[in-house]
Amino acid sequence: MKNVLLFTDTPLIGGAELQMYLLAKFLDRKKFNPIICCGPYETLDKWVANLENEDIKVIRLPVKHKNDTAHIKLLKRAIKEEKIDLMHVHVWNPASGRFAFLAAKRTKTPVIMTEHDPFRLNPIKDIFKKTTLNYVKTIIAISKDNKRTLSKLYPNHKHKIKVIHNGIDTTWWKSQLLGFGAKERKTLRKDLFKADYQTITALTVAELHPRKGLHILLRAIQKLLTQLPPKRRESLRFAIAGAGPQHQALERLITKRGLTNHVILLGRRKNIPQLMKSSDLFILPSLREGFGLVNLEAMISSLPIVATRVGGIPEIVENNKTGLLVPANSDTQLAQAIKKLITSKTLRTKLSKNSKKHIEKNFNAQTMAKKYERTYTQTLKG
């Protein structure tokens, strides 16, 4: 059995950390012993508790912040004490994880990295990044689009890059909906969405950040409403779950565009599976997206999707088969796609059935873990 140190220097929880958790959970423990290494930040406490509940060891480094050079000494100590055979660095930001690469070099520990959201760095950081990549044996891109981006940014290392798509714990997701039947769905729709059985509710789950394109969605909703007869217009609700820096700006836009009777900002929510099960369709209008993990969650919940053709999303959503894809930053085409779904129950049913099967077959966490196991084995063989 080989000891694998999965490292992140993030002070926040996001999609990268969820994938670390799922990877550690589903690795074959007879072959690999996962050990998570992260900072002391309180924001990580729940994540750490979830890992420990799965009997996964977590080392929390007593650093002051993500740029603290003490990372190097502390990581070298952890590598020695835990007899680490392989370090797996999860890069949530292209400039993150740099101290892990230095620690791996100094201890001669083979290292692989997963790039979750690559983009061009400023010149100084870019030079350092290119240097640290010399120590990396394998670079994992979470989508083919990310691989293309990384190959352009770091052409000297493109031979190291391979794609492993993110996955979702389909069993856990389904378990969250046990006991959530028609009665519970009706109550949630009434209390939260202000919707009855005739109302069509569209859900968006995203950080309230400009890159998520929520301001574009509001413009699309305004256009859509002008195209519909009064009765159908009044039976529409759009719910946005999430928190972030754009919250107040979105509130103002909702008022300015006369959408207060149609758009609800739900804030950050823990009951996402139940929200999805209570909705009729899902919309993700992102301007930039590394992978679009939330689409997997919507699709395993049997929701028909409208999403933008950016990043790794076209690798998840097949246009007109498992969802509808539109160009980013186009409120007109986004409105047209939403209209197409809300006016055709037949299309919604078709897309929802196809999407659930697609995720179960191609994007479950167990499949992802098996691919990483093969990568670990190949990397250790040199």
Protein backbone atom coordinates (compact mmCIF):
# COMPACT_ATOMS: atom_id res chain seq x y z
CA MET A 1 0.00 0.00 0.00
CA LYS A 2 1.30 3.45 -0.97
CA ASN A 3 0.84 6.60 1.13
CA VAL A 4 -0.51 9.51 -0.93
CA LEU A 5 -0.49 13.06 0.46
CA LEU A 6 -3.29 15.16 -1.07
CA PHE A 7 -2.43 18.82 -0.48
CA THR A 8 -4.33 22.10 -0.81
CA ASP A 9 -3.41 25.52 0.54
CA THR A 10 -6.91 26.94 0.09
CA PRO A 11 -8.60 28.77 2.97
CA LEU A 12 -12.02 28.13 1.40
CA ILE A 13 -14.19 25.23 0.35
CA GLY A 14 -15.12 24.89 -3.30
CA GLY A 15 -15.37 22.36 -6.09
CA ALA A 16 -11.68 21.39 -5.88
CA GLU A 17 -12.02 20.46 -2.22
CA LEU A 18 -15.17 18.45 -2.88
CA GLN A 19 -13.26 16.44 -5.48
CA MET A 20 -10.39 15.87 -3.02
CA TYR A 21 -12.92 14.52 -0.52
CA LEU A 22 -14.54 12.20 -3.06
CA LEU A 23 -11.18 10.99 -4.37
CA ALA A 24 -9.92 10.19 -0.86
CA LYS A 25 -13.23 8.49 -0.02
CA PHE A 26 -13.30 6.20 -3.06
CA LEU A 27 -9.62 5.29 -3.46
CA ASP A 28 -8.93 1.59 -3.01
CA ARG A 29 -7.48 1.53 0.54
CA LYS A 30 -5.77 -1.78 -0.16
CA LYS A 31 -3.62 0.00 -2.73
CA PHE A 32 -3.47 3.62 -1.57
CA ASN A 33 -3.69 5.29 1.82
CA PRO A 34 -4.90 8.89 1.33
CA ILE A 35 -3.76 11.58 3.77
CA ILE A 36 -5.17 15.09 3.41
CA CYS A 37 -2.94 18.06 4.19
CA CYS A 38 -4.37 21.58 4.54
CA GLY A 39 -4.24 24.78 6.59
CA PRO A 40 -5.68 25.55 10.06
CA TYR A 41 -8.50 27.78 8.81
CA GLU A 42 -11.85 27.54 10.59
CA THR A 43 -13.56 27.66 7.20
CA LEU A 44 -12.20 24.16 6.56
CA ASP A 45 -13.41 22.63 9.84
CA LYS A 46 -16.57 21.00 8.47
CA TRP A 47 -14.73 19.64 5.45
CA VAL A 48 -12.07 18.16 7.71
CA ALA A 49 -14.73 16.62 9.95
CA ASN A 50 -16.34 14.96 6.92
CA LEU A 51 -12.99 13.53 5.89
CA GLU A 52 -12.29 12.20 9.36
CA ASN A 53 -15.75 10.63 9.45
CA GLU A 54 -14.61 8.57 6.45
CA ASP A 55 -11.55 7.45 8.45
CA ILE A 56 -9.24 9.65 6.35
CA LYS A 57 -6.29 11.15 8.20
CA VAL A 58 -5.98 14.93 8.00
CA ILE A 59 -2.84 16.94 8.77
CA ARG A 60 -3.49 20.60 9.45
CA LEU A 61 -0.38 22.73 9.05
CA PRO A 62 -0.01 25.57 11.60
CA VAL A 63 0.64 28.24 8.96
CA LYS A 64 -0.48 31.86 9.18
CA HIS A 65 -1.83 32.13 5.65
CA LYS A 66 -1.58 30.49 2.24
CA ASN A 67 1.56 32.49 1.38
CA ASP A 68 3.43 31.48 4.55
CA THR A 69 6.82 29.96 3.63
CA ALA A 70 6.57 27.76 6.73
CA HIS A 71 4.62 25.44 4.43
CA ILE A 72 7.89 24.08 3.05
CA LYS A 73 9.39 22.99 6.38
CA LEU A 74 6.10 21.61 7.67
CA LEU A 75 5.41 19.68 4.46
CA LYS A 76 8.92 18.19 4.47
CA ARG A 77 8.30 17.00 8.02
CA ALA A 78 4.93 15.50 7.09
CA ILE A 79 6.42 13.70 4.09
CA LYS A 80 9.11 12.15 6.28
CA GLU A 81 6.91 11.24 9.26
CA GLU A 82 4.08 9.78 7.17
CA LYS A 83 6.47 8.02 4.79
CA ILE A 84 4.78 9.57 1.79
CA ASP A 85 5.29 7.77 -1.53
CA LEU A 86 3.46 10.30 -3.72
CA MET A 87 2.26 13.87 -3.34
CA HIS A 88 -0.91 14.97 -5.13
CA VAL A 89 -1.26 18.76 -5.22
CA HIS A 90 -4.71 20.18 -5.95
CA VAL A 91 -4.28 23.58 -7.56
CA TRP A 92 -7.47 25.57 -6.99
CA ASN A 93 -5.81 28.72 -8.37
CA PRO A 94 -2.96 28.54 -10.92
CA ALA A 95 -0.57 30.19 -8.43
CA SER A 96 -1.50 27.93 -5.51
CA GLY A 97 0.39 24.92 -4.16
CA ARG A 98 3.84 26.32 -4.93
CA PHE A 99 5.35 25.42 -1.55
CA ALA A 100 4.23 21.82 -1.98
CA PHE A 101 6.22 21.55 -5.20
CA LEU A 102 9.34 22.88 -3.45
CA ALA A 103 8.88 20.47 -0.53
CA ALA A 104 8.44 17.56 -2.94
CA LYS A 105 11.60 18.51 -4.80
CA ARG A 106 13.68 18.76 -1.64
CA THR A 107 12.47 15.39 -0.38
CA LYS A 108 12.65 13.79 -3.84
CA THR A 109 8.99 12.84 -3.61
CA PRO A 110 7.22 12.24 -6.93
CA VAL A 111 4.38 14.71 -7.41
CA ILE A 112 1.31 14.99 -9.59
CA MET A 113 -1.01 17.97 -9.72
CA THR A 114 -4.63 18.58 -10.65
CA GLU A 115 -5.33 21.97 -12.22
CA HIS A 116 -8.93 22.87 -11.39
CA ASP A 117 -9.17 26.31 -13.03
CA PRO A 118 -6.18 27.31 -15.20
CA PHE A 119 -5.64 30.81 -16.53
CA ARG A 120 -2.70 33.04 -17.42
CA LEU A 121 -0.70 34.40 -14.48
CA ASN A 122 1.20 37.68 -14.25
CA PRO A 123 4.81 37.47 -15.57
CA ILE A 124 6.55 36.91 -12.21
CA LYS A 125 4.14 34.20 -11.05
CA ASP A 126 4.24 32.65 -14.51
CA ILE A 127 8.02 32.23 -14.38
CA PHE A 128 7.78 30.57 -10.97
CA LYS A 129 4.96 28.34 -12.16
CA LYS A 130 6.91 27.12 -15.17
CA THR A 131 9.87 26.33 -12.92
CA THR A 132 7.81 24.32 -10.44
CA LEU A 133 6.22 22.33 -13.27
CA ASN A 134 9.64 20.80 -13.88
CA TYR A 135 9.16 18.83 -10.65
CA VAL A 136 5.71 17.53 -11.64
CA LYS A 137 5.45 14.03 -13.12
CA THR A 138 1.83 14.23 -14.29
CA ILE A 139 -0.58 17.12 -14.77
CA ILE A 140 -4.28 16.35 -14.52
CA ALA A 141 -6.77 18.59 -16.33
CA ILE A 142 -10.40 18.21 -15.27
CA SER A 143 -11.66 18.80 -18.81
CA LYS A 144 -10.45 18.66 -22.40
CA ASP A 145 -10.91 22.43 -22.55
CA ASN A 146 -8.61 22.83 -19.55
CA LYS A 147 -6.07 20.57 -21.23
CA ARG A 148 -6.07 22.82 -24.29
CA THR A 149 -5.61 25.88 -22.06
CA LEU A 150 -2.74 24.27 -20.13
CA SER A 151 -1.06 23.11 -23.34
CA LYS A 152 -1.05 26.68 -24.65
CA LEU A 153 0.16 28.15 -21.36
CA TYR A 154 2.87 25.55 -20.77
CA PRO A 155 3.78 23.97 -24.15
CA ASN A 156 6.98 22.44 -22.76
CA HIS A 157 4.88 20.33 -20.40
CA LYS A 158 1.95 19.36 -22.61
CA HIS A 159 3.23 15.77 -22.87
CA LYS A 160 2.53 15.40 -19.13
CA ILE A 161 -1.12 16.47 -19.33
CA LYS A 162 -4.01 14.01 -19.20
CA VAL A 163 -7.73 14.47 -18.59
CA ILE A 164 -9.66 13.02 -15.68
CA HIS A 165 -13.16 14.42 -15.38
CA ASN A 166 -14.57 15.27 -11.98
CA GLY A 167 -17.19 12.96 -10.53
CA ILE A 168 -20.20 12.98 -8.24
CA ASP A 169 -21.15 10.62 -5.43
CA THR A 170 -24.37 9.40 -7.05
CA THR A 171 -25.23 7.10 -4.13
CA TRP A 172 -24.98 9.94 -1.58
CA TRP A 173 -26.98 12.27 -3.83
CA LYS A 174 -29.81 9.77 -4.14
CA SER A 175 -29.74 9.10 -0.40
CA GLN A 176 -30.46 12.77 0.29
CA LEU A 177 -33.78 12.42 -1.48
CA LEU A 178 -35.00 9.37 0.45
CA GLY A 179 -38.21 10.35 2.20
CA PHE A 180 -38.50 13.49 0.06
CA GLY A 181 -41.69 12.70 -1.80
CA ALA A 182 -44.49 14.56 -3.52
CA LYS A 183 -45.81 16.05 -0.26
CA GLU A 184 -42.41 17.45 0.75
CA ARG A 185 -41.81 18.74 -2.77
CA LYS A 186 -45.17 20.53 -2.78
CA THR A 187 -44.44 22.16 0.61
CA LEU A 188 -40.99 23.36 -0.42
CA ARG A 189 -42.26 24.79 -3.70
CA LYS A 190 -45.04 26.64 -1.89
CA ASP A 191 -42.94 27.98 0.99
CA LEU A 192 -39.73 28.84 -0.83
CA PHE A 193 -40.58 29.33 -4.49
CA LYS A 194 -44.12 30.69 -3.93
CA ALA A 195 -45.15 28.19 -6.58
CA ASP A 196 -48.19 25.94 -7.04
CA TYR A 197 -48.47 22.82 -9.18
CA GLN A 198 -48.93 24.88 -12.38
CA THR A 199 -45.86 27.04 -11.80
CA ILE A 200 -42.64 26.21 -13.66
CA THR A 201 -39.61 26.85 -11.48
CA ALA A 202 -36.08 27.26 -12.84
CA LEU A 203 -33.19 26.87 -10.39
CA THR A 204 -29.66 28.25 -10.55
CA VAL A 205 -27.00 27.29 -7.99
CA ALA A 206 -23.89 29.44 -8.20
CA GLU A 207 -21.61 31.83 -6.40
CA LEU A 208 -22.97 35.34 -6.81
CA HIS A 209 -19.98 36.49 -8.83
CA PRO A 210 -19.84 38.27 -12.22
CA ARG A 211 -18.14 35.28 -13.88
CA LYS A 212 -21.28 33.23 -13.27
CA GLY A 213 -23.25 35.43 -15.68
CA LEU A 214 -26.21 35.98 -13.37
CA HIS A 215 -26.65 39.55 -14.62
CA ILE A 216 -27.00 38.04 -18.11
CA LEU A 217 -29.63 35.65 -16.78
CA LEU A 218 -31.66 38.55 -15.39
CA ARG A 219 -31.59 40.27 -18.78
CA ALA A 220 -32.67 37.02 -20.42
CA ILE A 221 -35.56 36.63 -17.96
CA GLN A 222 -36.73 40.18 -18.67
CA LYS A 223 -36.69 39.48 -22.42
CA LEU A 224 -38.43 36.15 -21.95
CA LEU A 225 -41.28 37.64 -19.94
CA THR A 226 -42.07 40.15 -22.69
CA GLN A 227 -42.45 37.26 -25.16
CA LEU A 228 -44.99 35.30 -23.10
CA PRO A 229 -48.73 35.74 -22.65
CA PRO A 230 -49.78 37.03 -19.18
CA LYS A 231 -51.00 33.67 -17.86
CA ARG A 232 -47.78 31.80 -18.69
CA ARG A 233 -45.69 34.76 -17.53
CA GLU A 234 -47.29 34.70 -14.09
CA SER A 235 -46.63 30.96 -13.70
CA LEU A 236 -42.84 31.32 -13.87
CA ARG A 237 -40.34 31.46 -10.99
CA PHE A 238 -36.56 31.74 -11.12
CA ALA A 239 -34.67 30.85 -7.93
CA ILE A 240 -30.96 31.56 -7.45
CA ALA A 241 -29.19 29.77 -4.58
CA GLY A 242 -25.78 31.02 -3.53
CA ALA A 243 -23.86 33.82 -1.84
CA GLY A 244 -21.14 36.14 -3.04
CA PRO A 245 -19.95 39.68 -3.77
CA GLN A 246 -22.62 40.37 -6.40
CA HIS A 247 -25.57 39.90 -4.03
CA GLN A 248 -26.52 43.56 -3.60
CA ALA A 249 -25.94 44.37 -7.25
CA LEU A 250 -28.26 41.53 -8.27
CA GLU A 251 -30.91 42.70 -5.82
CA ARG A 252 -30.82 46.15 -7.43
CA LEU A 253 -31.00 44.66 -10.93
CA ILE A 254 -34.00 42.53 -9.99
CA THR A 255 -35.84 45.64 -8.78
CA LYS A 256 -34.69 47.79 -11.70
CA ARG A 257 -35.85 45.26 -14.28
CA GLY A 258 -39.20 44.68 -12.60
CA LEU A 259 -38.48 41.05 -11.75
CA THR A 260 -39.33 40.97 -8.04
CA ASN A 261 -42.39 38.76 -8.65
CA HIS A 262 -40.38 36.27 -10.69
CA VAL A 263 -36.83 36.05 -9.30
CA ILE A 264 -35.92 34.91 -5.78
CA LEU A 265 -32.44 35.14 -4.26
CA LEU A 266 -32.32 32.24 -1.81
CA GLY A 267 -28.88 32.89 -0.33
CA ARG A 268 -26.51 30.04 0.55
CA ARG A 269 -28.40 26.77 0.98
CA LYS A 270 -27.54 23.36 2.37
CA ASN A 271 -30.54 21.52 0.95
CA ILE A 272 -29.46 21.64 -2.70
CA PRO A 273 -30.64 18.09 -3.55
CA GLN A 274 -34.13 18.94 -2.28
CA LEU A 275 -34.13 22.28 -4.12
CA MET A 276 -33.24 20.52 -7.34
CA LYS A 277 -35.84 17.83 -6.82
CA SER A 278 -38.44 20.57 -6.34
CA SER A 279 -37.51 22.42 -9.54
CA ASP A 280 -38.49 21.89 -13.16
CA LEU A 281 -35.29 22.93 -14.89
CA PHE A 282 -31.77 24.16 -14.15
CA ILE A 283 -29.89 27.13 -15.62
CA LEU A 284 -26.15 27.87 -15.41
CA PRO A 285 -25.32 31.04 -17.40
CA SER A 286 -21.56 31.13 -16.63
CA LEU A 287 -19.18 33.35 -18.56
CA ARG A 288 -16.21 31.22 -17.43
CA GLU A 289 -16.30 27.76 -15.92
CA GLY A 290 -13.49 25.27 -15.32
CA PHE A 291 -15.79 22.25 -15.28
CA GLY A 292 -19.30 23.09 -14.08
CA LEU A 293 -19.71 20.45 -11.37
CA VAL A 294 -23.14 21.75 -10.38
CA ASN A 295 -24.43 20.55 -13.77
CA LEU A 296 -23.65 16.98 -12.67
CA GLU A 297 -25.72 17.53 -9.55
CA ALA A 298 -28.64 18.91 -11.53
CA MET A 299 -28.50 16.12 -14.07
CA ILE A 300 -28.35 13.32 -11.47
CA SER A 301 -31.47 15.00 -10.03
CA SER A 302 -33.17 14.49 -13.42
CA LEU A 303 -33.32 18.20 -14.22
CA PRO A 304 -33.21 19.37 -17.84
CA ILE A 305 -30.33 21.83 -18.28
CA VAL A 306 -29.74 25.15 -19.97
CA ALA A 307 -26.06 26.04 -19.78
CA THR A 308 -23.44 28.08 -21.59
CA ARG A 309 -20.93 26.60 -23.98
CA VAL A 310 -17.82 27.44 -21.92
CA GLY A 311 -14.97 25.51 -20.29
CA GLY A 312 -15.72 21.86 -19.65
CA ILE A 313 -19.51 22.22 -19.78
CA PRO A 314 -19.87 20.89 -23.38
CA GLU A 315 -18.08 17.73 -22.17
CA ILE A 316 -20.88 17.21 -19.63
CA VAL A 317 -23.93 18.53 -21.46
CA GLU A 318 -24.63 17.28 -24.98
CA ASN A 319 -26.73 19.84 -26.83
CA ASN A 320 -30.31 18.72 -27.53
CA LYS A 321 -29.65 15.33 -25.94
CA THR A 322 -28.88 15.92 -22.24
CA GLY A 323 -29.48 19.67 -22.20
CA LEU A 324 -29.47 22.88 -24.19
CA LEU A 325 -26.24 24.81 -24.75
CA VAL A 326 -26.05 28.50 -25.65
CA PRO A 327 -23.16 30.94 -26.19
CA ALA A 328 -21.96 32.80 -23.11
CA ASN A 329 -22.97 36.44 -22.67
CA SER A 330 -26.01 36.15 -24.96
CA ASP A 331 -29.19 37.06 -23.13
CA THR A 332 -31.17 36.64 -26.36
CA GLN A 333 -30.13 33.03 -26.99
CA LEU A 334 -30.38 32.20 -23.29
CA ALA A 335 -33.96 33.49 -23.26
CA GLN A 336 -34.77 31.45 -26.37
CA ALA A 337 -33.42 28.24 -24.82
CA ILE A 338 -35.34 28.77 -21.57
CA LYS A 339 -38.51 29.47 -23.56
CA LYS A 340 -37.97 26.27 -25.53
CA LEU A 341 -37.88 24.24 -22.31
CA ILE A 342 -40.73 25.89 -20.42
CA THR A 343 -43.08 25.54 -23.39
CA SER A 344 -42.36 21.85 -24.01
CA LYS A 345 -42.93 19.30 -21.27
CA THR A 346 -42.00 16.59 -23.79
CA LEU A 347 -38.55 18.12 -24.28
CA ARG A 348 -38.04 18.54 -20.54
CA THR A 349 -38.90 14.89 -19.95
CA LYS A 350 -36.60 13.67 -22.73
CA LEU A 351 -33.61 15.70 -21.54
CA SER A 352 -34.07 14.77 -17.88
CA LYS A 353 -34.14 11.03 -18.63
CA ASN A 354 -31.07 11.21 -20.85
CA SER A 355 -29.08 13.38 -18.47
CA LYS A 356 -29.48 11.14 -15.42
CA LYS A 357 -28.34 8.04 -17.32
CA HIS A 358 -25.41 10.01 -18.78
CA ILE A 359 -24.10 11.07 -15.35
CA GLU A 360 -24.51 7.63 -13.77
CA LYS A 361 -22.51 6.07 -16.58
CA ASN A 362 -19.75 8.62 -17.15
CA PHE A 363 -19.33 10.96 -14.19
CA ASN A 364 -19.61 9.03 -10.94
CA ALA A 365 -16.90 9.45 -8.29
CA GLN A 366 -15.93 5.78 -8.30
CA THR A 367 -14.99 6.00 -11.97
CA MET A 368 -12.93 9.11 -11.26
CA ALA A 369 -11.08 7.39 -8.39
CA LYS A 370 -10.21 4.37 -10.56
CA LYS A 371 -8.66 6.66 -13.17
CA TYR A 372 -6.59 8.40 -10.50
CA GLU A 373 -5.47 5.02 -9.14
CA ARG A 374 -4.12 4.10 -12.57
CA THR A 375 -2.38 7.48 -12.79
CA TYR A 376 -0.82 7.01 -9.34
CA THR A 377 0.49 3.58 -10.32
CA GLN A 378 1.93 4.81 -13.61
CA THR A 379 3.56 7.83 -11.92
CA LEU A 380 5.16 5.71 -9.20
CA LYS A 381 6.58 3.35 -11.81
CA GLY A 382 8.34 6.37 -13.32
